[in-house]
Amino acid sequence: MACVLLYVTAGDADEAARIGRALVEERLVACANVIPGVRSIYRWEGTVRDEGEAVLIAKTIESRAEAATARIKALHGYDLPCVVVLPLIGGNADFLRWIESETGPGEAPPD
């Protein structure tokens, strides 16, 4: 089973934590890290913006990424939330197995 990271930006650390907790509780991801105090510079609706955000990094398996993305979109306050899936090409094999055990096919996601 392939493990992936979900990189998500949120309006603040509280929103990122709320989303991360829901994903872990629903077994869509094994772990979520919240990184507060990120400065994001981007163009939105024709205007360059410079705003504070938080980053959520979630660890899951590839087969759960689509469901996790859909759940993030449902929970997120942005009209167009940043959710990107990054493949993991290696790492601590024991840790990667833990991700699989927390999100694998033995645990069905919620309806």
PDB file of N, CA and C in Angstrom:
ATOM      1  N   MET A   1       0.840  -1.172   0.000  1.00  0.00           N
ATOM      2  CA  MET A   1       0.000   0.000   0.000  1.00  0.00           C
ATOM      3  C   MET A   1       0.891   1.243   0.000  1.00  0.00           C
ATOM      4  N   ALA A   2       0.556   2.213  -0.815  1.00  0.00           N
ATOM      5  CA  ALA A   2       1.348   3.438  -0.912  1.00  0.00           C
ATOM      6  C   ALA A   2       0.832   4.481   0.072  1.00  0.00           C
ATOM      7  N   CYS A   3       1.747   5.102   0.797  1.00  0.00           N
ATOM      8  CA  CYS A   3       1.401   6.186   1.713  1.00  0.00           C
ATOM      9  C   CYS A   3       1.588   7.522   1.004  1.00  0.00           C
ATOM     10  N   VAL A   4       0.774   8.499   1.398  1.00  0.00           N
ATOM     11  CA  VAL A   4       0.835   9.833   0.817  1.00  0.00           C
ATOM     12  C   VAL A   4       0.677  10.869   1.918  1.00  0.00           C
ATOM     13  N   LEU A   5       1.082  12.093   1.611  1.00  0.00           N
ATOM     14  CA  LEU A   5       0.827  13.243   2.470  1.00  0.00           C
ATOM     15  C   LEU A   5      -0.216  14.117   1.788  1.00  0.00           C
ATOM     16  N   LEU A   6      -1.119  14.658   2.575  1.00  0.00           N
ATOM     17  CA  LEU A   6      -2.044  15.673   2.096  1.00  0.00           C
ATOM     18  C   LEU A   6      -1.551  17.009   2.640  1.00  0.00           C
ATOM     19  N   TYR A   7      -1.310  17.955   1.762  1.00  0.00           N
ATOM     20  CA  TYR A   7      -0.902  19.302   2.142  1.00  0.00           C
ATOM     21  C   TYR A   7      -2.128  20.192   1.980  1.00  0.00           C
ATOM     22  N   VAL A   8      -2.520  20.835   3.075  1.00  0.00           N
ATOM     23  CA  VAL A   8      -3.748  21.623   3.096  1.00  0.00           C
ATOM     24  C   VAL A   8      -3.447  22.956   3.765  1.00  0.00           C
ATOM     25  N   THR A   9      -3.946  24.046   3.205  1.00  0.00           N
ATOM     26  CA  THR A   9      -3.863  25.321   3.907  1.00  0.00           C
ATOM     27  C   THR A   9      -5.239  25.641   4.485  1.00  0.00           C
ATOM     28  N   ALA A  10      -5.223  26.352   5.616  1.00  0.00           N
ATOM     29  CA  ALA A  10      -6.462  26.729   6.300  1.00  0.00           C
ATOM     30  C   ALA A  10      -6.351  28.175   6.763  1.00  0.00           C
ATOM     31  N   GLY A  11      -7.482  28.769   7.078  1.00  0.00           N
ATOM     32  CA  GLY A  11      -7.508  30.164   7.490  1.00  0.00           C
ATOM     33  C   GLY A  11      -6.753  30.439   8.777  1.00  0.00           C
ATOM     34  N   ASP A  12      -6.727  29.453   9.677  1.00  0.00           N
ATOM     35  CA  ASP A  12      -5.981  29.600  10.927  1.00  0.00           C
ATOM     36  C   ASP A  12      -5.758  28.220  11.538  1.00  0.00           C
ATOM     37  N   ALA A  13      -5.012  28.188  12.625  1.00  0.00           N
ATOM     38  CA  ALA A  13      -4.650  26.924  13.261  1.00  0.00           C
ATOM     39  C   ALA A  13      -5.872  26.201  13.818  1.00  0.00           C
ATOM     40  N   ASP A  14      -6.860  26.946  14.299  1.00  0.00           N
ATOM     41  CA  ASP A  14      -8.058  26.301  14.836  1.00  0.00           C
ATOM     42  C   ASP A  14      -8.817  25.553  13.748  1.00  0.00           C
ATOM     43  N   GLU A  15      -8.946  26.158  12.579  1.00  0.00           N
ATOM     44  CA  GLU A  15      -9.629  25.481  11.480  1.00  0.00           C
ATOM     45  C   GLU A  15      -8.838  24.247  11.040  1.00  0.00           C
ATOM     46  N   ALA A  16      -7.528  24.385  10.931  1.00  0.00           N
ATOM     47  CA  ALA A  16      -6.691  23.252  10.537  1.00  0.00           C
ATOM     48  C   ALA A  16      -6.819  22.114  11.549  1.00  0.00           C
ATOM     49  N   ALA A  17      -6.820  22.439  12.837  1.00  0.00           N
ATOM     50  CA  ALA A  17      -6.941  21.418  13.874  1.00  0.00           C
ATOM     51  C   ALA A  17      -8.308  20.750  13.838  1.00  0.00           C
ATOM     52  N   ARG A  18      -9.349  21.521  13.610  1.00  0.00           N
ATOM     53  CA  ARG A  18     -10.708  20.957  13.528  1.00  0.00           C
ATOM     54  C   ARG A  18     -10.808  19.969  12.375  1.00  0.00           C
ATOM     55  N   ILE A  19     -10.270  20.337  11.238  1.00  0.00           N
ATOM     56  CA  ILE A  19     -10.281  19.449  10.073  1.00  0.00           C
ATOM     57  C   ILE A  19      -9.418  18.223  10.343  1.00  0.00           C
ATOM     58  N   GLY A  20      -8.214  18.443  10.871  1.00  0.00           N
ATOM     59  CA  GLY A  20      -7.312  17.331  11.162  1.00  0.00           C
ATOM     60  C   GLY A  20      -7.907  16.340  12.130  1.00  0.00           C
ATOM     61  N   ARG A  21      -8.539  16.824  13.191  1.00  0.00           N
ATOM     62  CA  ARG A  21      -9.163  15.938  14.178  1.00  0.00           C
ATOM     63  C   ARG A  21     -10.270  15.099  13.530  1.00  0.00           C
ATOM     64  N   ALA A  22     -11.099  15.729  12.707  1.00  0.00           N
ATOM     65  CA  ALA A  22     -12.176  14.992  12.043  1.00  0.00           C
ATOM     66  C   ALA A  22     -11.611  13.882  11.152  1.00  0.00           C
ATOM     67  N   LEU A  23     -10.563  14.196  10.414  1.00  0.00           N
ATOM     68  CA  LEU A  23      -9.964  13.201   9.520  1.00  0.00           C
ATOM     69  C   LEU A  23      -9.393  12.013  10.305  1.00  0.00           C
ATOM     70  N   VAL A  24      -8.749  12.290  11.436  1.00  0.00           N
ATOM     71  CA  VAL A  24      -8.191  11.211  12.256  1.00  0.00           C
ATOM     72  C   VAL A  24      -9.320  10.405  12.894  1.00  0.00           C
ATOM     73  N   GLU A  25     -10.303  11.077  13.462  1.00  0.00           N
ATOM     74  CA  GLU A  25     -11.417  10.372  14.095  1.00  0.00           C
ATOM     75  C   GLU A  25     -12.151   9.469  13.112  1.00  0.00           C
ATOM     76  N   GLU A  26     -12.242   9.900  11.863  1.00  0.00           N
ATOM     77  CA  GLU A  26     -12.947   9.127  10.837  1.00  0.00           C
ATOM     78  C   GLU A  26     -12.040   8.123  10.134  1.00  0.00           C
ATOM     79  N   ARG A  27     -10.784   8.014  10.593  1.00  0.00           N
ATOM     80  CA  ARG A  27      -9.795   7.081  10.050  1.00  0.00           C
ATOM     81  C   ARG A  27      -9.491   7.310   8.569  1.00  0.00           C
ATOM     82  N   LEU A  28      -9.702   8.537   8.116  1.00  0.00           N
ATOM     83  CA  LEU A  28      -9.312   8.886   6.754  1.00  0.00           C
ATOM     84  C   LEU A  28      -7.819   9.179   6.688  1.00  0.00           C
ATOM     85  N   VAL A  29      -7.253   9.588   7.811  1.00  0.00           N
ATOM     86  CA  VAL A  29      -5.806   9.806   7.925  1.00  0.00           C
ATOM     87  C   VAL A  29      -5.347   9.224   9.258  1.00  0.00           C
ATOM     88  N   ALA A  30      -4.066   8.887   9.334  1.00  0.00           N
ATOM     89  CA  ALA A  30      -3.510   8.346  10.574  1.00  0.00           C
ATOM     90  C   ALA A  30      -3.061   9.447  11.515  1.00  0.00           C
ATOM     91  N   CYS A  31      -2.648  10.570  10.964  1.00  0.00           N
ATOM     92  CA  CYS A  31      -2.044  11.637  11.766  1.00  0.00           C
ATOM     93  C   CYS A  31      -2.188  12.944  11.018  1.00  0.00           C
ATOM     94  N   ALA A  32      -2.347  14.019  11.770  1.00  0.00           N
ATOM     95  CA  ALA A  32      -2.424  15.349  11.165  1.00  0.00           C
ATOM     96  C   ALA A  32      -1.546  16.299  11.967  1.00  0.00           C
ATOM     97  N   ASN A  33      -0.712  17.044  11.283  1.00  0.00           N
ATOM     98  CA  ASN A  33       0.140  18.053  11.906  1.00  0.00           C
ATOM     99  C   ASN A  33      -0.369  19.433  11.517  1.00  0.00           C
ATOM    100  N   VAL A  34      -0.444  20.328  12.489  1.00  0.00           N
ATOM    101  CA  VAL A  34      -0.862  21.700  12.240  1.00  0.00           C
ATOM    102  C   VAL A  34       0.354  22.603  12.429  1.00  0.00           C
ATOM    103  N   ILE A  35       0.624  23.394  11.413  1.00  0.00           N
ATOM    104  CA  ILE A  35       1.730  24.350  11.449  1.00  0.00           C
ATOM    105  C   ILE A  35       1.120  25.749  11.374  1.00  0.00           C
ATOM    106  N   PRO A  36       1.065  26.450  12.510  1.00  0.00           N
ATOM    107  CA  PRO A  36       0.470  27.793  12.504  1.00  0.00           C
ATOM    108  C   PRO A  36       1.458  28.837  11.993  1.00  0.00           C
ATOM    109  N   GLY A  37       0.916  30.019  11.730  1.00  0.00           N
ATOM    110  CA  GLY A  37       1.775  31.163  11.426  1.00  0.00           C
ATOM    111  C   GLY A  37       2.415  31.162  10.058  1.00  0.00           C
ATOM    112  N   VAL A  38       1.770  30.557   9.090  1.00  0.00           N
ATOM    113  CA  VAL A  38       2.293  30.550   7.723  1.00  0.00           C
ATOM    114  C   VAL A  38       1.841  31.833   7.027  1.00  0.00           C
ATOM    115  N   ARG A  39       2.730  32.425   6.278  1.00  0.00           N
ATOM    116  CA  ARG A  39       2.396  33.609   5.480  1.00  0.00           C
ATOM    117  C   ARG A  39       2.232  33.170   4.041  1.00  0.00           C
ATOM    118  N   SER A  40       1.060  33.418   3.478  1.00  0.00           N
ATOM    119  CA  SER A  40       0.762  33.002   2.106  1.00  0.00           C
ATOM    120  C   SER A  40       0.558  34.223   1.221  1.00  0.00           C
ATOM    121  N   ILE A  41       1.234  34.218   0.093  1.00  0.00           N
ATOM    122  CA  ILE A  41       1.091  35.276  -0.905  1.00  0.00           C
ATOM    123  C   ILE A  41       0.559  34.604  -2.163  1.00  0.00           C
ATOM    124  N   TYR A  42      -0.583  35.067  -2.626  1.00  0.00           N
ATOM    125  CA  TYR A  42      -1.249  34.395  -3.746  1.00  0.00           C
ATOM    126  C   TYR A  42      -2.165  35.372  -4.473  1.00  0.00           C
ATOM    127  N   ARG A  43      -2.565  34.979  -5.668  1.00  0.00           N
ATOM    128  CA  ARG A  43      -3.525  35.774  -6.434  1.00  0.00           C
ATOM    129  C   ARG A  43      -4.884  35.106  -6.310  1.00  0.00           C
ATOM    130  N   TRP A  44      -5.889  35.900  -5.945  1.00  0.00           N
ATOM    131  CA  TRP A  44      -7.249  35.371  -5.837  1.00  0.00           C
ATOM    132  C   TRP A  44      -8.201  36.424  -6.364  1.00  0.00           C
ATOM    133  N   GLU A  45      -9.017  36.034  -7.320  1.00  0.00           N
ATOM    134  CA  GLU A  45     -10.002  36.911  -7.931  1.00  0.00           C
ATOM    135  C   GLU A  45      -9.382  38.226  -8.418  1.00  0.00           C
ATOM    136  N   GLY A  46      -8.199  38.098  -9.056  1.00  0.00           N
ATOM    137  CA  GLY A  46      -7.542  39.226  -9.682  1.00  0.00           C
ATOM    138  C   GLY A  46      -6.711  40.115  -8.766  1.00  0.00           C
ATOM    139  N   THR A  47      -6.645  39.767  -7.485  1.00  0.00           N
ATOM    140  CA  THR A  47      -5.908  40.582  -6.521  1.00  0.00           C
ATOM    141  C   THR A  47      -4.818  39.753  -5.865  1.00  0.00           C
ATOM    142  N   VAL A  48      -3.618  40.326  -5.750  1.00  0.00           N
ATOM    143  CA  VAL A  48      -2.553  39.657  -5.017  1.00  0.00           C
ATOM    144  C   VAL A  48      -2.800  39.875  -3.531  1.00  0.00           C
ATOM    145  N   ARG A  49      -2.810  38.782  -2.788  1.00  0.00           N
ATOM    146  CA  ARG A  49      -3.084  38.849  -1.348  1.00  0.00           C
ATOM    147  C   ARG A  49      -1.872  38.358  -0.563  1.00  0.00           C
ATOM    148  N   ASP A  50      -1.748  38.853   0.633  1.00  0.00           N
ATOM    149  CA  ASP A  50      -0.663  38.495   1.547  1.00  0.00           C
ATOM    150  C   ASP A  50      -1.326  38.315   2.907  1.00  0.00           C
ATOM    151  N   GLU A  51      -1.539  37.051   3.300  1.00  0.00           N
ATOM    152  CA  GLU A  51      -2.341  36.776   4.487  1.00  0.00           C
ATOM    153  C   GLU A  51      -1.747  35.656   5.326  1.00  0.00           C
ATOM    154  N   GLY A  52      -2.124  35.626   6.575  1.00  0.00           N
ATOM    155  CA  GLY A  52      -1.732  34.547   7.462  1.00  0.00           C
ATOM    156  C   GLY A  52      -2.629  33.336   7.278  1.00  0.00           C
ATOM    157  N   GLU A  53      -2.033  32.164   7.347  1.00  0.00           N
ATOM    158  CA  GLU A  53      -2.770  30.912   7.260  1.00  0.00           C
ATOM    159  C   GLU A  53      -2.093  29.898   8.181  1.00  0.00           C
ATOM    160  N   ALA A  54      -2.615  28.708   8.184  1.00  0.00           N
ATOM    161  CA  ALA A  54      -1.983  27.566   8.851  1.00  0.00           C
ATOM    162  C   ALA A  54      -1.910  26.443   7.837  1.00  0.00           C
ATOM    163  N   VAL A  55      -0.955  25.553   8.039  1.00  0.00           N
ATOM    164  CA  VAL A  55      -0.813  24.391   7.164  1.00  0.00           C
ATOM    165  C   VAL A  55      -1.197  23.146   7.948  1.00  0.00           C
ATOM    166  N   LEU A  56      -1.918  22.280   7.293  1.00  0.00           N
ATOM    167  CA  LEU A  56      -2.262  20.964   7.826  1.00  0.00           C
ATOM    168  C   LEU A  56      -1.567  19.938   6.937  1.00  0.00           C
ATOM    169  N   ILE A  57      -0.768  19.079   7.536  1.00  0.00           N
ATOM    170  CA  ILE A  57      -0.145  17.980   6.804  1.00  0.00           C
ATOM    171  C   ILE A  57      -0.717  16.694   7.379  1.00  0.00           C
ATOM    172  N   ALA A  58      -1.365  15.916   6.545  1.00  0.00           N
ATOM    173  CA  ALA A  58      -2.014  14.685   6.992  1.00  0.00           C
ATOM    174  C   ALA A  58      -1.383  13.484   6.296  1.00  0.00           C
ATOM    175  N   LYS A  59      -1.192  12.416   7.066  1.00  0.00           N
ATOM    176  CA  LYS A  59      -0.595  11.192   6.535  1.00  0.00           C
ATOM    177  C   LYS A  59      -1.669  10.141   6.363  1.00  0.00           C
ATOM    178  N   THR A  60      -1.726   9.557   5.167  1.00  0.00           N
ATOM    179  CA  THR A  60      -2.731   8.550   4.878  1.00  0.00           C
ATOM    180  C   THR A  60      -2.208   7.606   3.805  1.00  0.00           C
ATOM    181  N   ILE A  61      -3.088   6.731   3.337  1.00  0.00           N
ATOM    182  CA  ILE A  61      -2.739   5.840   2.232  1.00  0.00           C
ATOM    183  C   ILE A  61      -3.407   6.365   0.964  1.00  0.00           C
ATOM    184  N   GLU A  62      -2.811   6.015  -0.146  1.00  0.00           N
ATOM    185  CA  GLU A  62      -3.279   6.541  -1.428  1.00  0.00           C
ATOM    186  C   GLU A  62      -4.768   6.272  -1.658  1.00  0.00           C
ATOM    187  N   SER A  63      -5.236   5.113  -1.267  1.00  0.00           N
ATOM    188  CA  SER A  63      -6.637   4.763  -1.508  1.00  0.00           C
ATOM    189  C   SER A  63      -7.615   5.576  -0.663  1.00  0.00           C
ATOM    190  N   ARG A  64      -7.146   6.269   0.363  1.00  0.00           N
ATOM    191  CA  ARG A  64      -8.003   7.119   1.199  1.00  0.00           C
ATOM    192  C   ARG A  64      -7.908   8.597   0.798  1.00  0.00           C
ATOM    193  N   ALA A  65      -7.000   8.938  -0.090  1.00  0.00           N
ATOM    194  CA  ALA A  65      -6.748  10.346  -0.412  1.00  0.00           C
ATOM    195  C   ALA A  65      -7.969  11.040  -1.016  1.00  0.00           C
ATOM    196  N   GLU A  66      -8.667  10.378  -1.894  1.00  0.00           N
ATOM    197  CA  GLU A  66      -9.829  11.003  -2.528  1.00  0.00           C
ATOM    198  C   GLU A  66     -10.930  11.270  -1.508  1.00  0.00           C
ATOM    199  N   ALA A  67     -11.218  10.297  -0.640  1.00  0.00           N
ATOM    200  CA  ALA A  67     -12.244  10.484   0.393  1.00  0.00           C
ATOM    201  C   ALA A  67     -11.822  11.566   1.379  1.00  0.00           C
ATOM    202  N   ALA A  68     -10.540  11.587   1.748  1.00  0.00           N
ATOM    203  CA  ALA A  68     -10.047  12.611   2.665  1.00  0.00           C
ATOM    204  C   ALA A  68     -10.169  13.995   2.029  1.00  0.00           C
ATOM    205  N   THR A  69      -9.845  14.106   0.750  1.00  0.00           N
ATOM    206  CA  THR A  69      -9.964  15.381   0.048  1.00  0.00           C
ATOM    207  C   THR A  69     -11.415  15.858   0.039  1.00  0.00           C
ATOM    208  N   ALA A  70     -12.332  14.956  -0.244  1.00  0.00           N
ATOM    209  CA  ALA A  70     -13.756  15.326  -0.247  1.00  0.00           C
ATOM    210  C   ALA A  70     -14.199  15.798   1.136  1.00  0.00           C
ATOM    211  N   ARG A  71     -13.738  15.129   2.172  1.00  0.00           N
ATOM    212  CA  ARG A  71     -14.107  15.512   3.541  1.00  0.00           C
ATOM    213  C   ARG A  71     -13.513  16.869   3.901  1.00  0.00           C
ATOM    214  N   ILE A  72     -12.265  17.101   3.503  1.00  0.00           N
ATOM    215  CA  ILE A  72     -11.635  18.403   3.758  1.00  0.00           C
ATOM    216  C   ILE A  72     -12.453  19.509   3.092  1.00  0.00           C
ATOM    217  N   LYS A  73     -12.833  19.296   1.849  1.00  0.00           N
ATOM    218  CA  LYS A  73     -13.620  20.300   1.135  1.00  0.00           C
ATOM    219  C   LYS A  73     -14.947  20.565   1.842  1.00  0.00           C
ATOM    220  N   ALA A  74     -15.564  19.532   2.394  1.00  0.00           N
ATOM    221  CA  ALA A  74     -16.837  19.697   3.095  1.00  0.00           C
ATOM    222  C   ALA A  74     -16.677  20.461   4.410  1.00  0.00           C
ATOM    223  N   LEU A  75     -15.541  20.294   5.071  1.00  0.00           N
ATOM    224  CA  LEU A  75     -15.309  20.919   6.373  1.00  0.00           C
ATOM    225  C   LEU A  75     -14.676  22.299   6.287  1.00  0.00           C
ATOM    226  N   HIS A  76     -14.108  22.636   5.150  1.00  0.00           N
ATOM    227  CA  HIS A  76     -13.269  23.825   4.995  1.00  0.00           C
ATOM    228  C   HIS A  76     -14.088  25.081   4.780  1.00  0.00           C
ATOM    229  N   GLY A  77     -13.585  26.200   5.268  1.00  0.00           N
ATOM    230  CA  GLY A  77     -14.255  27.482   5.097  1.00  0.00           C
ATOM    231  C   GLY A  77     -13.976  28.179   3.778  1.00  0.00           C
ATOM    232  N   TYR A  78     -12.957  27.755   3.055  1.00  0.00           N
ATOM    233  CA  TYR A  78     -12.615  28.395   1.774  1.00  0.00           C
ATOM    234  C   TYR A  78     -13.508  27.877   0.652  1.00  0.00           C
ATOM    235  N   ASP A  79     -13.750  28.744  -0.338  1.00  0.00           N
ATOM    236  CA  ASP A  79     -14.469  28.322  -1.537  1.00  0.00           C
ATOM    237  C   ASP A  79     -13.655  27.309  -2.344  1.00  0.00           C
ATOM    238  N   LEU A  80     -12.339  27.486  -2.350  1.00  0.00           N
ATOM    239  CA  LEU A  80     -11.446  26.642  -3.136  1.00  0.00           C
ATOM    240  C   LEU A  80     -10.229  26.278  -2.279  1.00  0.00           C
ATOM    241  N   PRO A  81     -10.394  25.325  -1.354  1.00  0.00           N
ATOM    242  CA  PRO A  81      -9.273  25.002  -0.463  1.00  0.00           C
ATOM    243  C   PRO A  81      -8.124  24.319  -1.202  1.00  0.00           C
ATOM    244  N   CYS A  82      -6.915  24.644  -0.764  1.00  0.00           N
ATOM    245  CA  CYS A  82      -5.723  23.971  -1.270  1.00  0.00           C
ATOM    246  C   CYS A  82      -5.652  22.594  -0.633  1.00  0.00           C
ATOM    247  N   VAL A  83      -5.748  21.573  -1.431  1.00  0.00           N
ATOM    248  CA  VAL A  83      -5.542  20.192  -0.992  1.00  0.00           C
ATOM    249  C   VAL A  83      -4.733  19.523  -2.090  1.00  0.00           C
ATOM    250  N   VAL A  84      -3.498  19.157  -1.782  1.00  0.00           N
ATOM    251  CA  VAL A  84      -2.690  18.443  -2.760  1.00  0.00           C
ATOM    252  C   VAL A  84      -2.169  17.163  -2.127  1.00  0.00           C
ATOM    253  N   VAL A  85      -2.037  16.144  -2.953  1.00  0.00           N
ATOM    254  CA  VAL A  85      -1.568  14.834  -2.505  1.00  0.00           C
ATOM    255  C   VAL A  85      -0.123  14.661  -2.977  1.00  0.00           C
ATOM    256  N   LEU A  86       0.751  14.347  -2.026  1.00  0.00           N
ATOM    257  CA  LEU A  86       2.166  14.173  -2.326  1.00  0.00           C
ATOM    258  C   LEU A  86       2.563  12.732  -2.038  1.00  0.00           C
ATOM    259  N   PRO A  87       3.130  12.042  -3.010  1.00  0.00           N
ATOM    260  CA  PRO A  87       3.530  10.646  -2.775  1.00  0.00           C
ATOM    261  C   PRO A  87       4.729  10.562  -1.850  1.00  0.00           C
ATOM    262  N   LEU A  88       4.766   9.529  -1.055  1.00  0.00           N
ATOM    263  CA  LEU A  88       5.929   9.231  -0.222  1.00  0.00           C
ATOM    264  C   LEU A  88       6.724   8.136  -0.915  1.00  0.00           C
ATOM    265  N   ILE A  89       7.994   8.378  -1.117  1.00  0.00           N
ATOM    266  CA  ILE A  89       8.814   7.392  -1.832  1.00  0.00           C
ATOM    267  C   ILE A  89       9.685   6.573  -0.889  1.00  0.00           C
ATOM    268  N   GLY A  90       9.579   6.854   0.396  1.00  0.00           N
ATOM    269  CA  GLY A  90      10.353   6.100   1.371  1.00  0.00           C
ATOM    270  C   GLY A  90      10.189   6.690   2.740  1.00  0.00           C
ATOM    271  N   GLY A  91      10.949   6.138   3.681  1.00  0.00           N
ATOM    272  CA  GLY A  91      10.890   6.617   5.054  1.00  0.00           C
ATOM    273  C   GLY A  91      11.022   5.467   6.025  1.00  0.00           C
ATOM    274  N   ASN A  92      10.702   5.728   7.262  1.00  0.00           N
ATOM    275  CA  ASN A  92      10.743   4.719   8.309  1.00  0.00           C
ATOM    276  C   ASN A  92       9.663   3.681   8.024  1.00  0.00           C
ATOM    277  N   ALA A  93      10.069   2.477   7.638  1.00  0.00           N
ATOM    278  CA  ALA A  93       9.120   1.431   7.248  1.00  0.00           C
ATOM    279  C   ALA A  93       8.123   1.123   8.354  1.00  0.00           C
ATOM    280  N   ASP A  94       8.564   1.140   9.602  1.00  0.00           N
ATOM    281  CA  ASP A  94       7.652   0.882  10.716  1.00  0.00           C
ATOM    282  C   ASP A  94       6.584   1.966  10.810  1.00  0.00           C
ATOM    283  N   PHE A  95       6.989   3.217  10.606  1.00  0.00           N
ATOM    284  CA  PHE A  95       6.035   4.325  10.639  1.00  0.00           C
ATOM    285  C   PHE A  95       5.053   4.213   9.478  1.00  0.00           C
ATOM    286  N   LEU A  96       5.528   3.885   8.299  1.00  0.00           N
ATOM    287  CA  LEU A  96       4.647   3.747   7.131  1.00  0.00           C
ATOM    288  C   LEU A  96       3.647   2.611   7.344  1.00  0.00           C
ATOM    289  N   ARG A  97       4.077   1.533   7.971  1.00  0.00           N
ATOM    290  CA  ARG A  97       3.144   0.439   8.289  1.00  0.00           C
ATOM    291  C   ARG A  97       2.088   0.904   9.292  1.00  0.00           C
ATOM    292  N   TRP A  98       2.496   1.769  10.228  1.00  0.00           N
ATOM    293  CA  TRP A  98       1.534   2.311  11.188  1.00  0.00           C
ATOM    294  C   TRP A  98       0.467   3.139  10.457  1.00  0.00           C
ATOM    295  N   ILE A  99       0.877   3.966   9.511  1.00  0.00           N
ATOM    296  CA  ILE A  99      -0.096   4.726   8.716  1.00  0.00           C
ATOM    297  C   ILE A  99      -1.077   3.769   8.055  1.00  0.00           C
ATOM    298  N   GLU A 100      -0.550   2.725   7.460  1.00  0.00           N
ATOM    299  CA  GLU A 100      -1.408   1.734   6.803  1.00  0.00           C
ATOM    300  C   GLU A 100      -2.357   1.076   7.787  1.00  0.00           C
ATOM    301  N   SER A 101      -1.865   0.740   8.975  1.00  0.00           N
ATOM    302  CA  SER A 101      -2.719   0.048   9.943  1.00  0.00           C
ATOM    303  C   SER A 101      -3.833   0.960  10.467  1.00  0.00           C
ATOM    304  N   GLU A 102      -3.582   2.256  10.521  1.00  0.00           N
ATOM    305  CA  GLU A 102      -4.587   3.190  11.021  1.00  0.00           C
ATOM    306  C   GLU A 102      -5.626   3.589   9.969  1.00  0.00           C
ATOM    307  N   THR A 103      -5.315   3.387   8.710  1.00  0.00           N
ATOM    308  CA  THR A 103      -6.190   3.850   7.636  1.00  0.00           C
ATOM    309  C   THR A 103      -6.522   2.760   6.627  1.00  0.00           C
ATOM    310  N   GLY A 104      -5.998   1.569   6.812  1.00  0.00           N
ATOM    311  CA  GLY A 104      -6.100   0.505   5.820  1.00  0.00           C
ATOM    312  C   GLY A 104      -7.492  -0.049   5.625  1.00  0.00           C
ATOM    313  N   PRO A 105      -7.601  -1.039   4.745  1.00  0.00           N
ATOM    314  CA  PRO A 105      -8.903  -1.567   4.357  1.00  0.00           C
ATOM    315  C   PRO A 105      -9.676  -2.224   5.488  1.00  0.00           C
ATOM    316  N   GLY A 106      -9.012  -2.588   6.581  1.00  0.00           N
ATOM    317  CA  GLY A 106      -9.711  -3.180   7.716  1.00  0.00           C
ATOM    318  C   GLY A 106     -10.598  -2.193   8.452  1.00  0.00           C
ATOM    319  N   GLU A 107     -10.392  -0.911   8.218  1.00  0.00           N
ATOM    320  CA  GLU A 107     -11.178   0.138   8.883  1.00  0.00           C
ATOM    321  C   GLU A 107     -11.960   0.894   7.814  1.00  0.00           C
ATOM    322  N   ALA A 108     -13.240   0.687   7.791  1.00  0.00           N
ATOM    323  CA  ALA A 108     -14.077   1.368   6.794  1.00  0.00           C
ATOM    324  C   ALA A 108     -14.260   2.829   7.152  1.00  0.00           C
ATOM    325  N   PRO A 109     -14.186   3.731   6.155  1.00  0.00           N
ATOM    326  CA  PRO A 109     -14.461   5.129   6.439  1.00  0.00           C
ATOM    327  C   PRO A 109     -15.948   5.306   6.756  1.00  0.00           C
ATOM    328  N   PRO A 110     -16.312   6.415   7.410  1.00  0.00           N
ATOM    329  CA  PRO A 110     -17.712   6.634   7.753  1.00  0.00           C
ATOM    330  C   PRO A 110     -18.564   6.833   6.504  1.00  0.00           C
ATOM    331  N   ASP A 111     -19.846   6.588   6.650  1.00  0.00           N
ATOM    332  CA  ASP A 111     -20.778   6.791   5.522  1.00  0.00           C
ATOM    333  C   ASP A 111     -20.986   8.255   5.256  1.00  0.00           C
TER     334      ASP A 111
END
